[in-house]
Amino acid sequence: MQAWRVHRNGEPGEVMRLEETDRPTPGDGQVLVEVRAANVNFPDALLCRGQYQVRPPLPFTPGVEVCGTTEDGRRVLATPALPHGGFADYVVADEAALLPAPDALDDAEAAALHIGYQTGWFGLHRRAHLQPGETLLVHAAAGGVGSAAVQLGKAAGAKVIGVVGGPDKAAVARELGCDLVIDRRSEDIVAAVKEATGGRGADVVYDPVGGDAYAKSTKCVAFEGRILVVGFASGVIPTPALNHALVKNYSVVGLHWGLYNTKDPAAVRACHEELTKLAEQGIVKPLISERVAMAGAADAVQRVADGTSTGRIVVLPGGAR
């Protein structure tokens, strides 16, 4: 089979190589899955760089979520067992963690419904307890993670403010349903949020960026607001000033979605059932900006790493729809 493999750590475009290799062999409790679509995530870039919290042995194949078909014909969502990641013709995955692919979505859309939307749902509902009528501020609102949070925030009845970088991404954020879009390159985020909320600020901030985005968030979060930390796409991990959190009476809340797979797998399945219902109703639909052939995977991961993409880029091996 074909698989993209990383033999040394570095930038994805430099270290990912498309090779012929053997199919992975399932272990106890695992199944072989033929990949129909593999969604590109920012962690794929971190894996290539050797900066992710999990460091698989070299060589490895990146790709943390797929839609595929099991040997008995089931169409499923899976998180491949590293080092045999999703940018390959076949992966192995834990049987217990497989989720049925929603019929309402094609393979590319289904692959993108998994980690990003689960992260958004757990973050907004389980960790930040977003309420109808509250204001949700989403950083990188036109990206893969941010676009999911925008849709889920609207589904929850929140007023959603999206922060983006550039007019093209602003247009995407508006199409996603943001009530207000702020272009961080030309507008003052703090002033715009305060003006839009009558000086109150955002009740919940969804931050997959870190760095300056987090710093700005602390200046426009509401009384009893919650800043939800889900990632550091900027490459800068903030150091929260806890005296500031105390004085302004806000919370800094972390979310590592992967822990739910081990700590509370029933909650993951329940979340997937809710996401499937929302997809069937047309309330959420992953924003797929590009569908690329297997040969384009390394370039796709590099563009996600560089922050130049919008929505989701999905790699399609043969047989996808």
C-alpha atoms as a PDB file:
ATOM      1  CA  MET A   1       0.000   0.000   0.000  1.00  0.00           C
ATOM      2  CA  GLN A   2       0.976   3.671  -0.199  1.00  0.00           C
ATOM      3  CA  ALA A   3       1.652   5.737   2.902  1.00  0.00           C
ATOM      4  CA  TRP A   4       3.245   9.082   3.704  1.00  0.00           C
ATOM      5  CA  ARG A   5       6.084   8.466   6.156  1.00  0.00           C
ATOM      6  CA  VAL A   6       8.279  10.693   8.298  1.00  0.00           C
ATOM      7  CA  HIS A   7      11.855   9.460   8.862  1.00  0.00           C
ATOM      8  CA  ARG A   8      13.145  12.611  10.613  1.00  0.00           C
ATOM      9  CA  ASN A   9      11.429  15.489  12.348  1.00  0.00           C
ATOM     10  CA  GLY A  10      10.985  18.803  10.571  1.00  0.00           C
ATOM     11  CA  GLU A  11       8.568  20.829   8.477  1.00  0.00           C
ATOM     12  CA  PRO A  12       5.886  18.596   6.876  1.00  0.00           C
ATOM     13  CA  GLY A  13       6.689  19.654   3.323  1.00  0.00           C
ATOM     14  CA  GLU A  14      10.314  18.636   3.838  1.00  0.00           C
ATOM     15  CA  VAL A  15      10.070  15.417   5.843  1.00  0.00           C
ATOM     16  CA  MET A  16       6.910  13.662   4.582  1.00  0.00           C
ATOM     17  CA  ARG A  17       7.662  11.066   1.866  1.00  0.00           C
ATOM     18  CA  LEU A  18       5.165   8.963  -0.085  1.00  0.00           C
ATOM     19  CA  GLU A  19       6.338   5.347   0.008  1.00  0.00           C
ATOM     20  CA  GLU A  20       5.249   1.801  -0.701  1.00  0.00           C
ATOM     21  CA  THR A  21       4.979  -0.131   2.540  1.00  0.00           C
ATOM     22  CA  ASP A  22       3.236  -3.133   4.075  1.00  0.00           C
ATOM     23  CA  ARG A  23      -0.287  -2.919   5.422  1.00  0.00           C
ATOM     24  CA  PRO A  24      -0.347  -2.544   9.216  1.00  0.00           C
ATOM     25  CA  THR A  25      -1.368  -5.634  11.181  1.00  0.00           C
ATOM     26  CA  PRO A  26      -4.182  -5.247  13.729  1.00  0.00           C
ATOM     27  CA  GLY A  27      -3.348  -6.173  17.318  1.00  0.00           C
ATOM     28  CA  ASP A  28      -5.721  -7.388  20.012  1.00  0.00           C
ATOM     29  CA  GLY A  29      -8.932  -5.368  19.961  1.00  0.00           C
ATOM     30  CA  GLN A  30      -7.972  -3.609  16.725  1.00  0.00           C
ATOM     31  CA  VAL A  31      -9.373  -3.702  13.188  1.00  0.00           C
ATOM     32  CA  LEU A  32      -8.005  -2.918   9.746  1.00  0.00           C
ATOM     33  CA  VAL A  33      -9.669   0.085   8.095  1.00  0.00           C
ATOM     34  CA  GLU A  34      -9.411   1.062   4.428  1.00  0.00           C
ATOM     35  CA  VAL A  35      -9.057   4.846   4.334  1.00  0.00           C
ATOM     36  CA  ARG A  36     -11.627   6.720   2.268  1.00  0.00           C
ATOM     37  CA  ALA A  37     -10.779  10.229   3.572  1.00  0.00           C
ATOM     38  CA  ALA A  38      -8.138  11.562   5.976  1.00  0.00           C
ATOM     39  CA  ASN A  39      -8.675  14.996   7.483  1.00  0.00           C
ATOM     40  CA  VAL A  40      -5.642  17.280   7.899  1.00  0.00           C
ATOM     41  CA  ASN A  41      -5.235  18.652  11.437  1.00  0.00           C
ATOM     42  CA  PHE A  42      -2.718  21.018  12.997  1.00  0.00           C
ATOM     43  CA  PRO A  43      -1.455  18.165  15.245  1.00  0.00           C
ATOM     44  CA  ASP A  44      -0.252  16.445  12.057  1.00  0.00           C
ATOM     45  CA  ALA A  45       2.216  19.283  11.603  1.00  0.00           C
ATOM     46  CA  LEU A  46       3.243  19.062  15.263  1.00  0.00           C
ATOM     47  CA  LEU A  47       3.796  15.313  14.841  1.00  0.00           C
ATOM     48  CA  CYS A  48       6.091  15.968  11.885  1.00  0.00           C
ATOM     49  CA  ARG A  49       8.012  18.550  13.897  1.00  0.00           C
ATOM     50  CA  GLY A  50       8.291  16.287  16.940  1.00  0.00           C
ATOM     51  CA  GLN A  51       6.378  18.850  19.020  1.00  0.00           C
ATOM     52  CA  TYR A  52       3.149  16.935  19.729  1.00  0.00           C
ATOM     53  CA  GLN A  53       2.378  15.497  23.180  1.00  0.00           C
ATOM     54  CA  VAL A  54       2.610  12.045  21.574  1.00  0.00           C
ATOM     55  CA  ARG A  55       5.896  11.246  19.816  1.00  0.00           C
ATOM     56  CA  PRO A  56       5.586   8.062  17.760  1.00  0.00           C
ATOM     57  CA  PRO A  57       8.790   6.201  16.860  1.00  0.00           C
ATOM     58  CA  LEU A  58      10.385   7.034  13.521  1.00  0.00           C
ATOM     59  CA  PRO A  59       9.420   6.313  10.811  1.00  0.00           C
ATOM     60  CA  PHE A  60       5.726   7.024  11.254  1.00  0.00           C
ATOM     61  CA  THR A  61       2.715   8.102   9.200  1.00  0.00           C
ATOM     62  CA  PRO A  62       0.839  11.240  10.339  1.00  0.00           C
ATOM     63  CA  GLY A  63      -2.933  11.591  10.060  1.00  0.00           C
ATOM     64  CA  VAL A  64      -5.009  11.548  13.248  1.00  0.00           C
ATOM     65  CA  GLU A  65      -8.567  11.064  11.946  1.00  0.00           C
ATOM     66  CA  VAL A  66     -10.126   9.224   9.026  1.00  0.00           C
ATOM     67  CA  CYS A  67     -13.360   8.027   7.518  1.00  0.00           C
ATOM     68  CA  GLY A  68     -12.955   4.504   6.209  1.00  0.00           C
ATOM     69  CA  THR A  69     -14.408   1.063   5.703  1.00  0.00           C
ATOM     70  CA  THR A  70     -13.822  -1.984   7.897  1.00  0.00           C
ATOM     71  CA  GLU A  71     -13.300  -5.448   6.447  1.00  0.00           C
ATOM     72  CA  ASP A  72     -16.916  -6.312   7.257  1.00  0.00           C
ATOM     73  CA  GLY A  73     -18.180  -3.305   5.290  1.00  0.00           C
ATOM     74  CA  ARG A  74     -18.941  -0.746   7.986  1.00  0.00           C
ATOM     75  CA  ARG A  75     -18.346   2.932   7.151  1.00  0.00           C
ATOM     76  CA  VAL A  76     -16.710   4.381  10.258  1.00  0.00           C
ATOM     77  CA  LEU A  77     -14.819   7.275  11.789  1.00  0.00           C
ATOM     78  CA  ALA A  78     -11.531   6.297  13.375  1.00  0.00           C
ATOM     79  CA  THR A  79      -8.487   7.732  15.101  1.00  0.00           C
ATOM     80  CA  PRO A  80      -5.664   5.552  13.720  1.00  0.00           C
ATOM     81  CA  ALA A  81      -3.234   3.869  16.076  1.00  0.00           C
ATOM     82  CA  LEU A  82       0.121   5.608  15.594  1.00  0.00           C
ATOM     83  CA  PRO A  83       2.704   5.079  14.152  1.00  0.00           C
ATOM     84  CA  HIS A  84       0.308   4.000  11.349  1.00  0.00           C
ATOM     85  CA  GLY A  85      -1.533   7.289  10.789  1.00  0.00           C
ATOM     86  CA  GLY A  86      -4.242   8.206   8.332  1.00  0.00           C
ATOM     87  CA  PHE A  87      -2.320   9.434   5.277  1.00  0.00           C
ATOM     88  CA  ALA A  88      -2.205   5.890   3.942  1.00  0.00           C
ATOM     89  CA  ASP A  89      -4.381   3.406   2.097  1.00  0.00           C
ATOM     90  CA  TYR A  90      -4.994   1.387   5.273  1.00  0.00           C
ATOM     91  CA  VAL A  91      -4.814   1.988   9.041  1.00  0.00           C
ATOM     92  CA  VAL A  92      -5.461   0.020  12.191  1.00  0.00           C
ATOM     93  CA  ALA A  93      -7.739   1.397  14.885  1.00  0.00           C
ATOM     94  CA  ASP A  94      -9.176   0.285  18.200  1.00  0.00           C
ATOM     95  CA  GLU A  95     -12.518  -1.444  17.621  1.00  0.00           C
ATOM     96  CA  ALA A  96     -13.990   0.061  20.796  1.00  0.00           C
ATOM     97  CA  ALA A  97     -13.300   3.614  19.591  1.00  0.00           C
ATOM     98  CA  LEU A  98     -14.858   3.299  16.126  1.00  0.00           C
ATOM     99  CA  LEU A  99     -17.855   5.540  15.475  1.00  0.00           C
ATOM    100  CA  PRO A 100     -20.444   5.116  12.700  1.00  0.00           C
ATOM    101  CA  ALA A 101     -19.977   7.648   9.885  1.00  0.00           C
ATOM    102  CA  PRO A 102     -23.082   9.858   9.535  1.00  0.00           C
ATOM    103  CA  ASP A 103     -25.121   9.057   6.417  1.00  0.00           C
ATOM    104  CA  ALA A 104     -25.832  12.757   5.939  1.00  0.00           C
ATOM    105  CA  LEU A 105     -22.159  13.502   5.232  1.00  0.00           C
ATOM    106  CA  ASP A 106     -19.842  12.334   2.469  1.00  0.00           C
ATOM    107  CA  ASP A 107     -16.483  10.771   3.320  1.00  0.00           C
ATOM    108  CA  ALA A 108     -14.530  14.035   3.480  1.00  0.00           C
ATOM    109  CA  GLU A 109     -17.174  15.760   5.606  1.00  0.00           C
ATOM    110  CA  ALA A 110     -17.498  12.752   7.903  1.00  0.00           C
ATOM    111  CA  ALA A 111     -13.737  12.585   8.475  1.00  0.00           C
ATOM    112  CA  ALA A 112     -13.829  16.238   9.548  1.00  0.00           C
ATOM    113  CA  LEU A 113     -16.752  15.797  11.970  1.00  0.00           C
ATOM    114  CA  HIS A 114     -14.667  13.907  14.488  1.00  0.00           C
ATOM    115  CA  ILE A 115     -11.890  15.569  16.518  1.00  0.00           C
ATOM    116  CA  GLY A 116     -12.613  19.234  15.729  1.00  0.00           C
ATOM    117  CA  TYR A 117     -16.332  18.980  16.431  1.00  0.00           C
ATOM    118  CA  GLN A 118     -15.874  16.759  19.470  1.00  0.00           C
ATOM    119  CA  THR A 119     -13.366  19.310  20.801  1.00  0.00           C
ATOM    120  CA  GLY A 120     -15.842  22.095  20.163  1.00  0.00           C
ATOM    121  CA  TRP A 121     -18.766  20.281  21.749  1.00  0.00           C
ATOM    122  CA  PHE A 122     -16.880  19.187  24.883  1.00  0.00           C
ATOM    123  CA  GLY A 123     -15.233  22.589  25.179  1.00  0.00           C
ATOM    124  CA  LEU A 124     -18.350  24.684  24.824  1.00  0.00           C
ATOM    125  CA  HIS A 125     -20.762  22.429  26.726  1.00  0.00           C
ATOM    126  CA  ARG A 126     -18.788  20.327  29.216  1.00  0.00           C
ATOM    127  CA  ARG A 127     -16.018  22.775  30.097  1.00  0.00           C
ATOM    128  CA  ALA A 128     -17.320  26.292  29.438  1.00  0.00           C
ATOM    129  CA  HIS A 129     -21.049  25.583  29.937  1.00  0.00           C
ATOM    130  CA  LEU A 130     -22.103  27.956  27.161  1.00  0.00           C
ATOM    131  CA  GLN A 131     -25.677  29.203  27.626  1.00  0.00           C
ATOM    132  CA  PRO A 132     -28.229  30.448  25.078  1.00  0.00           C
ATOM    133  CA  GLY A 133     -27.961  34.203  24.656  1.00  0.00           C
ATOM    134  CA  GLU A 134     -24.336  34.398  25.786  1.00  0.00           C
ATOM    135  CA  THR A 135     -21.619  35.890  23.605  1.00  0.00           C
ATOM    136  CA  LEU A 136     -19.004  33.481  22.235  1.00  0.00           C
ATOM    137  CA  LEU A 137     -15.730  34.837  20.839  1.00  0.00           C
ATOM    138  CA  VAL A 138     -13.979  32.404  18.480  1.00  0.00           C
ATOM    139  CA  HIS A 139     -10.380  32.957  17.423  1.00  0.00           C
ATOM    140  CA  ALA A 140      -9.301  31.617  14.005  1.00  0.00           C
ATOM    141  CA  ALA A 141     -12.995  31.377  13.159  1.00  0.00           C
ATOM    142  CA  ALA A 142     -12.395  30.434   9.514  1.00  0.00           C
ATOM    143  CA  GLY A 143     -10.031  27.567  10.350  1.00  0.00           C
ATOM    144  CA  GLY A 144     -10.868  23.915  10.854  1.00  0.00           C
ATOM    145  CA  VAL A 145     -11.207  24.051  14.646  1.00  0.00           C
ATOM    146  CA  GLY A 146     -12.691  27.541  14.750  1.00  0.00           C
ATOM    147  CA  SER A 147     -15.304  26.889  12.063  1.00  0.00           C
ATOM    148  CA  ALA A 148     -16.621  23.935  14.079  1.00  0.00           C
ATOM    149  CA  ALA A 149     -16.877  26.105  17.193  1.00  0.00           C
ATOM    150  CA  VAL A 150     -18.770  28.791  15.262  1.00  0.00           C
ATOM    151  CA  GLN A 151     -21.380  26.291  14.048  1.00  0.00           C
ATOM    152  CA  LEU A 152     -21.730  24.661  17.457  1.00  0.00           C
ATOM    153  CA  GLY A 153     -21.989  28.041  19.163  1.00  0.00           C
ATOM    154  CA  LYS A 154     -24.804  29.096  16.855  1.00  0.00           C
ATOM    155  CA  ALA A 155     -26.516  25.735  17.422  1.00  0.00           C
ATOM    156  CA  ALA A 156     -26.365  26.425  21.169  1.00  0.00           C
ATOM    157  CA  GLY A 157     -28.109  29.779  20.771  1.00  0.00           C
ATOM    158  CA  ALA A 158     -25.096  31.996  21.386  1.00  0.00           C
ATOM    159  CA  LYS A 159     -24.171  35.268  19.702  1.00  0.00           C
ATOM    160  CA  VAL A 160     -20.926  34.415  17.902  1.00  0.00           C
ATOM    161  CA  ILE A 161     -18.083  36.854  17.220  1.00  0.00           C
ATOM    162  CA  GLY A 162     -15.395  35.467  14.923  1.00  0.00           C
ATOM    163  CA  VAL A 163     -11.795  36.686  14.754  1.00  0.00           C
ATOM    164  CA  VAL A 164      -9.928  36.077  11.501  1.00  0.00           C
ATOM    165  CA  GLY A 165      -6.824  37.245   9.636  1.00  0.00           C
ATOM    166  CA  GLY A 166      -7.650  38.904   6.316  1.00  0.00           C
ATOM    167  CA  PRO A 167     -10.696  39.715   4.170  1.00  0.00           C
ATOM    168  CA  ASP A 168     -10.910  36.296   2.503  1.00  0.00           C
ATOM    169  CA  LYS A 169     -11.182  34.551   5.845  1.00  0.00           C
ATOM    170  CA  ALA A 170     -13.640  37.203   7.031  1.00  0.00           C
ATOM    171  CA  ALA A 171     -15.939  36.297   4.151  1.00  0.00           C
ATOM    172  CA  VAL A 172     -15.741  32.609   5.125  1.00  0.00           C
ATOM    173  CA  ALA A 173     -16.559  33.407   8.760  1.00  0.00           C
ATOM    174  CA  ARG A 174     -19.622  35.398   7.729  1.00  0.00           C
ATOM    175  CA  GLU A 175     -20.853  32.515   5.583  1.00  0.00           C
ATOM    176  CA  LEU A 176     -20.432  30.206   8.589  1.00  0.00           C
ATOM    177  CA  GLY A 177     -22.938  32.332  10.497  1.00  0.00           C
ATOM    178  CA  CYS A 178     -20.864  34.658  12.690  1.00  0.00           C
ATOM    179  CA  ASP A 179     -22.955  37.555  13.975  1.00  0.00           C
ATOM    180  CA  LEU A 180     -19.874  39.782  13.867  1.00  0.00           C
ATOM    181  CA  VAL A 181     -16.487  39.237  12.218  1.00  0.00           C
ATOM    182  CA  ILE A 182     -13.318  41.016  13.377  1.00  0.00           C
ATOM    183  CA  ASP A 183     -10.262  41.138  11.112  1.00  0.00           C
ATOM    184  CA  ARG A 184      -7.362  41.158  13.553  1.00  0.00           C
ATOM    185  CA  ARG A 185      -5.084  42.601  10.868  1.00  0.00           C
ATOM    186  CA  SER A 186      -7.059  45.801  10.508  1.00  0.00           C
ATOM    187  CA  GLU A 187      -9.275  46.055  13.605  1.00  0.00           C
ATOM    188  CA  ASP A 188      -8.792  46.315  17.363  1.00  0.00           C
ATOM    189  CA  ILE A 189     -10.164  43.037  18.778  1.00  0.00           C
ATOM    190  CA  VAL A 190     -10.655  44.334  22.315  1.00  0.00           C
ATOM    191  CA  ALA A 191     -12.434  47.527  21.268  1.00  0.00           C
ATOM    192  CA  ALA A 192     -14.642  45.710  18.753  1.00  0.00           C
ATOM    193  CA  VAL A 193     -15.749  43.064  21.274  1.00  0.00           C
ATOM    194  CA  LYS A 194     -16.525  45.662  23.932  1.00  0.00           C
ATOM    195  CA  GLU A 195     -18.494  47.772  21.456  1.00  0.00           C
ATOM    196  CA  ALA A 196     -20.488  44.749  20.270  1.00  0.00           C
ATOM    197  CA  THR A 197     -21.351  43.712  23.836  1.00  0.00           C
ATOM    198  CA  GLY A 198     -22.108  47.110  25.310  1.00  0.00           C
ATOM    199  CA  GLY A 199     -18.897  47.029  27.306  1.00  0.00           C
ATOM    200  CA  ARG A 200     -19.618  43.675  28.940  1.00  0.00           C
ATOM    201  CA  GLY A 201     -17.196  41.512  26.961  1.00  0.00           C
ATOM    202  CA  ALA A 202     -17.399  37.911  25.760  1.00  0.00           C
ATOM    203  CA  ASP A 203     -18.894  35.304  28.082  1.00  0.00           C
ATOM    204  CA  VAL A 204     -16.902  32.461  26.500  1.00  0.00           C
ATOM    205  CA  VAL A 205     -13.703  32.707  24.471  1.00  0.00           C
ATOM    206  CA  TYR A 206     -12.694  29.755  22.271  1.00  0.00           C
ATOM    207  CA  ASP A 207      -8.933  29.945  21.778  1.00  0.00           C
ATOM    208  CA  PRO A 208      -7.054  27.451  19.588  1.00  0.00           C
ATOM    209  CA  VAL A 209      -4.335  30.040  18.918  1.00  0.00           C
ATOM    210  CA  GLY A 210      -2.635  31.131  22.156  1.00  0.00           C
ATOM    211  CA  GLY A 211      -0.046  33.902  22.077  1.00  0.00           C
ATOM    212  CA  ASP A 212      -1.452  37.333  21.322  1.00  0.00           C
ATOM    213  CA  ALA A 213      -4.982  35.943  20.893  1.00  0.00           C
ATOM    214  CA  TYR A 214      -4.987  34.830  24.510  1.00  0.00           C
ATOM    215  CA  ALA A 215      -3.576  38.165  25.689  1.00  0.00           C
ATOM    216  CA  LYS A 216      -6.329  40.048  23.858  1.00  0.00           C
ATOM    217  CA  SER A 217      -8.958  37.678  25.270  1.00  0.00           C
ATOM    218  CA  THR A 218      -8.086  38.558  28.865  1.00  0.00           C
ATOM    219  CA  LYS A 219      -8.829  42.198  28.059  1.00  0.00           C
ATOM    220  CA  CYS A 220     -12.315  41.587  26.648  1.00  0.00           C
ATOM    221  CA  VAL A 221     -13.662  38.652  28.670  1.00  0.00           C
ATOM    222  CA  ALA A 222     -16.845  39.319  30.633  1.00  0.00           C
ATOM    223  CA  PHE A 223     -17.458  39.156  34.366  1.00  0.00           C
ATOM    224  CA  GLU A 224     -17.632  35.423  35.183  1.00  0.00           C
ATOM    225  CA  GLY A 225     -16.432  34.711  31.644  1.00  0.00           C
ATOM    226  CA  ARG A 226     -14.556  31.582  30.606  1.00  0.00           C
ATOM    227  CA  ILE A 227     -11.478  31.498  28.384  1.00  0.00           C
ATOM    228  CA  LEU A 228     -11.339  28.040  26.825  1.00  0.00           C
ATOM    229  CA  VAL A 229      -7.807  26.966  25.906  1.00  0.00           C
ATOM    230  CA  VAL A 230      -7.831  24.293  23.175  1.00  0.00           C
ATOM    231  CA  GLY A 231      -4.492  24.757  21.413  1.00  0.00           C
ATOM    232  CA  PHE A 232      -1.541  26.939  20.491  1.00  0.00           C
ATOM    233  CA  ALA A 233      -1.545  27.291  16.702  1.00  0.00           C
ATOM    234  CA  SER A 234       0.498  30.492  17.033  1.00  0.00           C
ATOM    235  CA  GLY A 235       3.337  28.462  18.513  1.00  0.00           C
ATOM    236  CA  VAL A 236       3.335  30.650  21.643  1.00  0.00           C
ATOM    237  CA  ILE A 237       2.047  29.110  24.877  1.00  0.00           C
ATOM    238  CA  PRO A 238       0.730  31.904  27.149  1.00  0.00           C
ATOM    239  CA  THR A 239       1.625  32.226  30.811  1.00  0.00           C
ATOM    240  CA  PRO A 240      -1.630  33.297  32.504  1.00  0.00           C
ATOM    241  CA  ALA A 241      -1.462  36.063  35.090  1.00  0.00           C
ATOM    242  CA  LEU A 242      -3.592  34.534  37.830  1.00  0.00           C
ATOM    243  CA  ASN A 243      -3.846  37.834  39.695  1.00  0.00           C
ATOM    244  CA  HIS A 244      -5.597  39.222  36.607  1.00  0.00           C
ATOM    245  CA  ALA A 245      -8.042  36.286  36.567  1.00  0.00           C
ATOM    246  CA  LEU A 246      -8.747  36.943  40.236  1.00  0.00           C
ATOM    247  CA  VAL A 247      -9.289  40.682  39.882  1.00  0.00           C
ATOM    248  CA  LYS A 248     -11.534  40.382  36.792  1.00  0.00           C
ATOM    249  CA  ASN A 249     -13.328  37.253  38.048  1.00  0.00           C
ATOM    250  CA  TYR A 250     -12.907  35.044  34.959  1.00  0.00           C
ATOM    251  CA  SER A 251     -11.887  31.426  34.510  1.00  0.00           C
ATOM    252  CA  VAL A 252      -9.170  29.867  32.347  1.00  0.00           C
ATOM    253  CA  VAL A 253     -10.378  26.414  31.305  1.00  0.00           C
ATOM    254  CA  GLY A 254      -8.313  23.781  29.527  1.00  0.00           C
ATOM    255  CA  LEU A 255      -9.521  21.041  27.195  1.00  0.00           C
ATOM    256  CA  HIS A 256      -7.605  17.961  26.027  1.00  0.00           C
ATOM    257  CA  TRP A 257     -10.281  16.042  24.128  1.00  0.00           C
ATOM    258  CA  GLY A 258      -8.159  12.897  23.803  1.00  0.00           C
ATOM    259  CA  LEU A 259      -8.430  12.284  27.554  1.00  0.00           C
ATOM    260  CA  TYR A 260     -12.148  11.576  27.184  1.00  0.00           C
ATOM    261  CA  ASN A 261     -11.315   8.534  25.059  1.00  0.00           C
ATOM    262  CA  THR A 262      -9.692   6.936  28.086  1.00  0.00           C
ATOM    263  CA  LYS A 263     -11.449   8.662  30.990  1.00  0.00           C
ATOM    264  CA  ASP A 264     -15.033   8.730  29.703  1.00  0.00           C
ATOM    265  CA  PRO A 265     -15.503   6.942  26.354  1.00  0.00           C
ATOM    266  CA  ALA A 266     -19.270   6.788  26.860  1.00  0.00           C
ATOM    267  CA  ALA A 267     -19.331  10.592  26.745  1.00  0.00           C
ATOM    268  CA  VAL A 268     -17.485  10.521  23.404  1.00  0.00           C
ATOM    269  CA  ARG A 269     -20.113   8.190  21.942  1.00  0.00           C
ATOM    270  CA  ALA A 270     -22.943  10.336  23.319  1.00  0.00           C
ATOM    271  CA  CYS A 271     -21.342  13.427  21.813  1.00  0.00           C
ATOM    272  CA  HIS A 272     -21.070  11.681  18.433  1.00  0.00           C
ATOM    273  CA  GLU A 273     -24.768  10.829  18.556  1.00  0.00           C
ATOM    274  CA  GLU A 274     -25.564  14.502  19.175  1.00  0.00           C
ATOM    275  CA  LEU A 275     -23.240  15.637  16.368  1.00  0.00           C
ATOM    276  CA  THR A 276     -24.809  13.086  14.014  1.00  0.00           C
ATOM    277  CA  LYS A 277     -28.275  14.495  14.780  1.00  0.00           C
ATOM    278  CA  LEU A 278     -27.047  18.045  14.131  1.00  0.00           C
ATOM    279  CA  ALA A 279     -25.531  16.914  10.824  1.00  0.00           C
ATOM    280  CA  GLU A 280     -28.746  15.155   9.800  1.00  0.00           C
ATOM    281  CA  GLN A 281     -30.679  18.352  10.541  1.00  0.00           C
ATOM    282  CA  GLY A 282     -28.214  20.422   8.507  1.00  0.00           C
ATOM    283  CA  ILE A 283     -27.324  22.512  11.559  1.00  0.00           C
ATOM    284  CA  VAL A 284     -23.628  21.600  11.357  1.00  0.00           C
ATOM    285  CA  LYS A 285     -21.696  20.742   8.214  1.00  0.00           C
ATOM    286  CA  PRO A 286     -17.900  20.625   8.144  1.00  0.00           C
ATOM    287  CA  LEU A 287     -16.404  23.325   5.941  1.00  0.00           C
ATOM    288  CA  ILE A 288     -14.288  21.421   3.401  1.00  0.00           C
ATOM    289  CA  SER A 289     -12.167  23.937   1.514  1.00  0.00           C
ATOM    290  CA  GLU A 290     -10.155  21.389  -0.471  1.00  0.00           C
ATOM    291  CA  ARG A 291     -10.230  17.713  -1.343  1.00  0.00           C
ATOM    292  CA  VAL A 292      -6.757  16.640  -2.441  1.00  0.00           C
ATOM    293  CA  ALA A 293      -5.410  13.404  -3.888  1.00  0.00           C
ATOM    294  CA  MET A 294      -2.972  11.293  -1.893  1.00  0.00           C
ATOM    295  CA  ALA A 295      -0.033  12.901  -3.719  1.00  0.00           C
ATOM    296  CA  GLY A 296      -0.971  16.310  -2.275  1.00  0.00           C
ATOM    297  CA  ALA A 297      -0.938  15.345   1.411  1.00  0.00           C
ATOM    298  CA  ALA A 298       2.466  16.803   2.361  1.00  0.00           C
ATOM    299  CA  ASP A 299       1.658  20.154   0.767  1.00  0.00           C
ATOM    300  CA  ALA A 300      -1.728  20.175   2.500  1.00  0.00           C
ATOM    301  CA  VAL A 301      -0.227  19.554   5.943  1.00  0.00           C
ATOM    302  CA  GLN A 302       2.342  22.292   5.318  1.00  0.00           C
ATOM    303  CA  ARG A 303      -0.365  24.816   4.411  1.00  0.00           C
ATOM    304  CA  VAL A 304      -2.286  23.990   7.580  1.00  0.00           C
ATOM    305  CA  ALA A 305       0.966  24.371   9.531  1.00  0.00           C
ATOM    306  CA  ASP A 306       1.543  27.774   7.935  1.00  0.00           C
ATOM    307  CA  GLY A 307      -1.990  28.956   8.733  1.00  0.00           C
ATOM    308  CA  THR A 308      -2.837  29.763   5.112  1.00  0.00           C
ATOM    309  CA  SER A 309      -5.775  27.361   4.779  1.00  0.00           C
ATOM    310  CA  THR A 310      -9.445  27.877   5.595  1.00  0.00           C
ATOM    311  CA  GLY A 311     -11.827  25.226   6.866  1.00  0.00           C
ATOM    312  CA  ARG A 312     -10.612  21.666   6.385  1.00  0.00           C
ATOM    313  CA  ILE A 313      -8.340  20.134   3.787  1.00  0.00           C
ATOM    314  CA  VAL A 314      -9.072  16.432   3.330  1.00  0.00           C
ATOM    315  CA  VAL A 315      -6.844  13.856   1.658  1.00  0.00           C
ATOM    316  CA  LEU A 316      -8.729  11.351  -0.504  1.00  0.00           C
ATOM    317  CA  PRO A 317      -7.113   8.010  -1.340  1.00  0.00           C
ATOM    318  CA  GLY A 318      -8.889   5.891  -3.967  1.00  0.00           C
ATOM    319  CA  GLY A 319     -12.556   5.040  -3.481  1.00  0.00           C
ATOM    320  CA  ALA A 320     -13.664   8.142  -1.576  1.00  0.00           C
ATOM    321  CA  ARG A 321     -16.863  10.039  -2.255  1.00  0.00           C
END
